[in-house]
């Protein structure tokens, strides 16, 4: 299983490009801190760090994610 981590100083955040790709591929908008904007359950629901689409985007964009 692959998991997205931040090994730099500071918190986990996504780039604008990563957020756009996630929305395009899943239909769900996310915030830069990895939370769904309008999920069916709750708007504070975090995207799992092992989400296959998130992992794919981070692998694709690398440090630009």
N, C-alpha and C. Protein backbone atom coordinates (compact mmCIF):
# COMPACT_ATOMS: atom_id res chain seq x y z
N UNK A 1 0.85 -1.17 0.00
CA UNK A 1 0.00 0.00 0.00
C UNK A 1 0.90 1.24 0.00
N UNK A 2 0.57 2.20 -0.83
CA UNK A 2 1.29 3.47 -0.88
C UNK A 2 0.52 4.52 -0.09
N UNK A 3 1.27 5.40 0.58
CA UNK A 3 0.68 6.44 1.41
C UNK A 3 1.41 7.75 1.13
N UNK A 4 0.68 8.84 1.02
CA UNK A 4 1.27 10.16 0.80
C UNK A 4 1.70 10.73 2.15
N UNK A 5 2.97 11.15 2.23
CA UNK A 5 3.48 11.77 3.45
C UNK A 5 4.19 13.08 3.10
N UNK A 6 4.40 13.88 4.11
CA UNK A 6 5.18 15.11 3.97
C UNK A 6 6.43 14.91 4.81
N UNK A 7 7.59 14.86 4.16
CA UNK A 7 8.82 14.68 4.93
C UNK A 7 9.61 15.97 5.05
N UNK A 8 8.96 17.09 4.76
CA UNK A 8 9.56 18.41 4.92
C UNK A 8 8.97 19.07 6.17
N UNK A 9 9.59 20.17 6.61
CA UNK A 9 9.07 20.92 7.74
C UNK A 9 7.73 21.54 7.37
N UNK A 10 6.78 21.49 8.28
CA UNK A 10 5.47 22.08 8.06
C UNK A 10 4.41 21.02 7.86
N UNK A 11 3.20 21.47 7.66
CA UNK A 11 2.07 20.57 7.53
C UNK A 11 1.88 20.06 6.12
N UNK A 12 0.93 19.16 5.99
CA UNK A 12 0.57 18.57 4.70
C UNK A 12 -0.29 19.56 3.93
N UNK A 13 0.04 19.81 2.68
CA UNK A 13 -0.76 20.70 1.84
C UNK A 13 -0.62 20.26 0.38
N UNK A 14 -1.64 20.54 -0.40
CA UNK A 14 -1.65 20.21 -1.83
C UNK A 14 -1.53 21.49 -2.65
N UNK A 15 -0.90 21.38 -3.80
CA UNK A 15 -0.81 22.52 -4.71
C UNK A 15 -2.15 22.72 -5.41
N UNK A 16 -2.30 23.87 -6.02
CA UNK A 16 -3.53 24.16 -6.78
C UNK A 16 -3.70 23.14 -7.90
N UNK A 17 -2.61 22.79 -8.57
CA UNK A 17 -2.67 21.81 -9.66
C UNK A 17 -3.14 20.45 -9.13
N UNK A 18 -2.62 20.03 -7.98
CA UNK A 18 -3.02 18.75 -7.39
C UNK A 18 -4.50 18.76 -7.03
N UNK A 19 -4.97 19.87 -6.47
CA UNK A 19 -6.40 19.98 -6.12
C UNK A 19 -7.26 19.91 -7.37
N UNK A 20 -6.85 20.59 -8.43
CA UNK A 20 -7.61 20.57 -9.69
C UNK A 20 -7.66 19.17 -10.28
N UNK A 21 -6.53 18.47 -10.28
CA UNK A 21 -6.51 17.10 -10.81
C UNK A 21 -7.38 16.17 -9.98
N UNK A 22 -7.34 16.32 -8.64
CA UNK A 22 -8.16 15.47 -7.79
C UNK A 22 -9.64 15.67 -8.09
N UNK A 23 -10.05 16.93 -8.24
CA UNK A 23 -11.46 17.20 -8.55
C UNK A 23 -11.82 16.65 -9.93
N UNK A 24 -10.95 16.84 -10.89
CA UNK A 24 -11.22 16.36 -12.26
C UNK A 24 -11.37 14.84 -12.29
N UNK A 25 -10.52 14.14 -11.53
CA UNK A 25 -10.51 12.67 -11.58
C UNK A 25 -11.55 12.02 -10.67
N UNK A 26 -11.99 12.73 -9.62
CA UNK A 26 -12.93 12.11 -8.68
C UNK A 26 -14.30 12.77 -8.67
N UNK A 27 -14.37 14.02 -9.12
CA UNK A 27 -15.62 14.76 -9.02
C UNK A 27 -15.77 15.49 -7.70
N UNK A 28 -14.80 15.31 -6.78
CA UNK A 28 -14.84 15.96 -5.48
C UNK A 28 -13.78 17.05 -5.40
N UNK A 29 -14.17 18.23 -4.95
CA UNK A 29 -13.22 19.31 -4.72
C UNK A 29 -12.59 19.09 -3.35
N UNK A 30 -11.31 19.46 -3.22
CA UNK A 30 -10.61 19.37 -1.95
C UNK A 30 -9.92 20.68 -1.64
N UNK A 31 -9.65 20.90 -0.36
CA UNK A 31 -8.90 22.09 0.05
C UNK A 31 -7.42 21.78 -0.05
N UNK A 32 -6.60 22.81 0.08
CA UNK A 32 -5.15 22.60 0.00
C UNK A 32 -4.64 21.71 1.13
N UNK A 33 -5.38 21.60 2.21
CA UNK A 33 -4.95 20.77 3.34
C UNK A 33 -5.53 19.36 3.29
N UNK A 34 -6.10 18.98 2.14
CA UNK A 34 -6.55 17.62 1.95
C UNK A 34 -7.89 17.27 2.56
N UNK A 35 -8.81 18.24 2.58
CA UNK A 35 -10.16 17.97 3.07
C UNK A 35 -11.15 18.14 1.93
N UNK A 36 -12.14 17.26 1.88
CA UNK A 36 -13.19 17.39 0.87
C UNK A 36 -13.96 18.68 1.10
N UNK A 37 -14.32 19.35 0.02
CA UNK A 37 -15.11 20.58 0.12
C UNK A 37 -16.58 20.24 0.26
N UNK A 38 -17.11 19.35 -0.55
CA UNK A 38 -18.54 19.02 -0.52
C UNK A 38 -18.79 17.52 -0.59
N UNK A 39 -18.27 16.74 0.36
CA UNK A 39 -18.56 15.32 0.32
C UNK A 39 -19.98 15.04 0.78
N UNK A 40 -20.49 13.87 0.49
CA UNK A 40 -21.85 13.53 0.92
C UNK A 40 -22.01 13.51 2.43
N UNK A 41 -20.97 13.12 3.18
CA UNK A 41 -21.12 12.94 4.63
C UNK A 41 -20.91 14.22 5.42
N UNK A 42 -19.76 14.87 5.22
CA UNK A 42 -19.36 15.96 6.12
C UNK A 42 -18.27 16.77 5.44
N UNK A 43 -18.37 18.09 5.48
CA UNK A 43 -17.40 18.90 4.77
C UNK A 43 -16.05 19.00 5.46
N UNK A 44 -15.89 18.40 6.62
CA UNK A 44 -14.58 18.36 7.27
C UNK A 44 -13.92 16.99 7.14
N UNK A 45 -14.40 16.18 6.23
CA UNK A 45 -13.91 14.82 6.08
C UNK A 45 -12.58 14.83 5.33
N UNK A 46 -11.49 14.34 5.95
CA UNK A 46 -10.19 14.37 5.26
C UNK A 46 -10.08 13.29 4.19
N UNK A 47 -9.31 13.60 3.17
CA UNK A 47 -8.97 12.62 2.15
C UNK A 47 -7.94 11.68 2.77
N UNK A 48 -8.18 10.39 2.70
CA UNK A 48 -7.21 9.43 3.25
C UNK A 48 -5.90 9.54 2.49
N UNK A 49 -4.81 9.49 3.21
CA UNK A 49 -3.48 9.61 2.59
C UNK A 49 -3.15 8.42 1.71
N UNK A 50 -3.92 7.33 1.84
CA UNK A 50 -3.71 6.18 0.95
C UNK A 50 -4.74 6.14 -0.18
N UNK A 51 -5.47 7.25 -0.38
CA UNK A 51 -6.44 7.34 -1.47
C UNK A 51 -5.70 7.11 -2.78
N UNK A 52 -6.12 6.12 -3.58
CA UNK A 52 -5.39 5.79 -4.81
C UNK A 52 -5.25 6.96 -5.78
N UNK A 53 -6.26 7.81 -5.87
CA UNK A 53 -6.19 8.96 -6.78
C UNK A 53 -5.18 9.98 -6.25
N UNK A 54 -5.20 10.23 -4.96
CA UNK A 54 -4.24 11.14 -4.35
C UNK A 54 -2.81 10.64 -4.56
N UNK A 55 -2.59 9.35 -4.30
CA UNK A 55 -1.27 8.75 -4.50
C UNK A 55 -0.83 8.90 -5.95
N UNK A 56 -1.73 8.62 -6.87
CA UNK A 56 -1.42 8.73 -8.30
C UNK A 56 -1.01 10.16 -8.68
N UNK A 57 -1.73 11.14 -8.17
CA UNK A 57 -1.44 12.54 -8.47
C UNK A 57 -0.09 12.95 -7.90
N UNK A 58 0.20 12.55 -6.68
CA UNK A 58 1.48 12.89 -6.07
C UNK A 58 2.64 12.21 -6.80
N UNK A 59 2.45 10.98 -7.23
CA UNK A 59 3.48 10.32 -8.01
C UNK A 59 3.69 11.02 -9.34
N UNK A 60 2.61 11.45 -9.95
CA UNK A 60 2.67 12.12 -11.25
C UNK A 60 3.32 13.51 -11.15
N UNK A 61 2.92 14.30 -10.16
CA UNK A 61 3.42 15.67 -10.04
C UNK A 61 4.69 15.79 -9.22
N UNK A 62 4.98 14.81 -8.39
CA UNK A 62 6.16 14.88 -7.54
C UNK A 62 6.08 16.05 -6.57
N UNK A 63 7.18 16.78 -6.43
CA UNK A 63 7.23 17.91 -5.48
C UNK A 63 6.24 19.03 -5.86
N UNK A 64 5.75 19.04 -7.08
CA UNK A 64 4.80 20.07 -7.50
C UNK A 64 3.38 19.77 -6.99
N UNK A 65 3.21 18.61 -6.37
CA UNK A 65 1.89 18.25 -5.83
C UNK A 65 1.66 18.96 -4.52
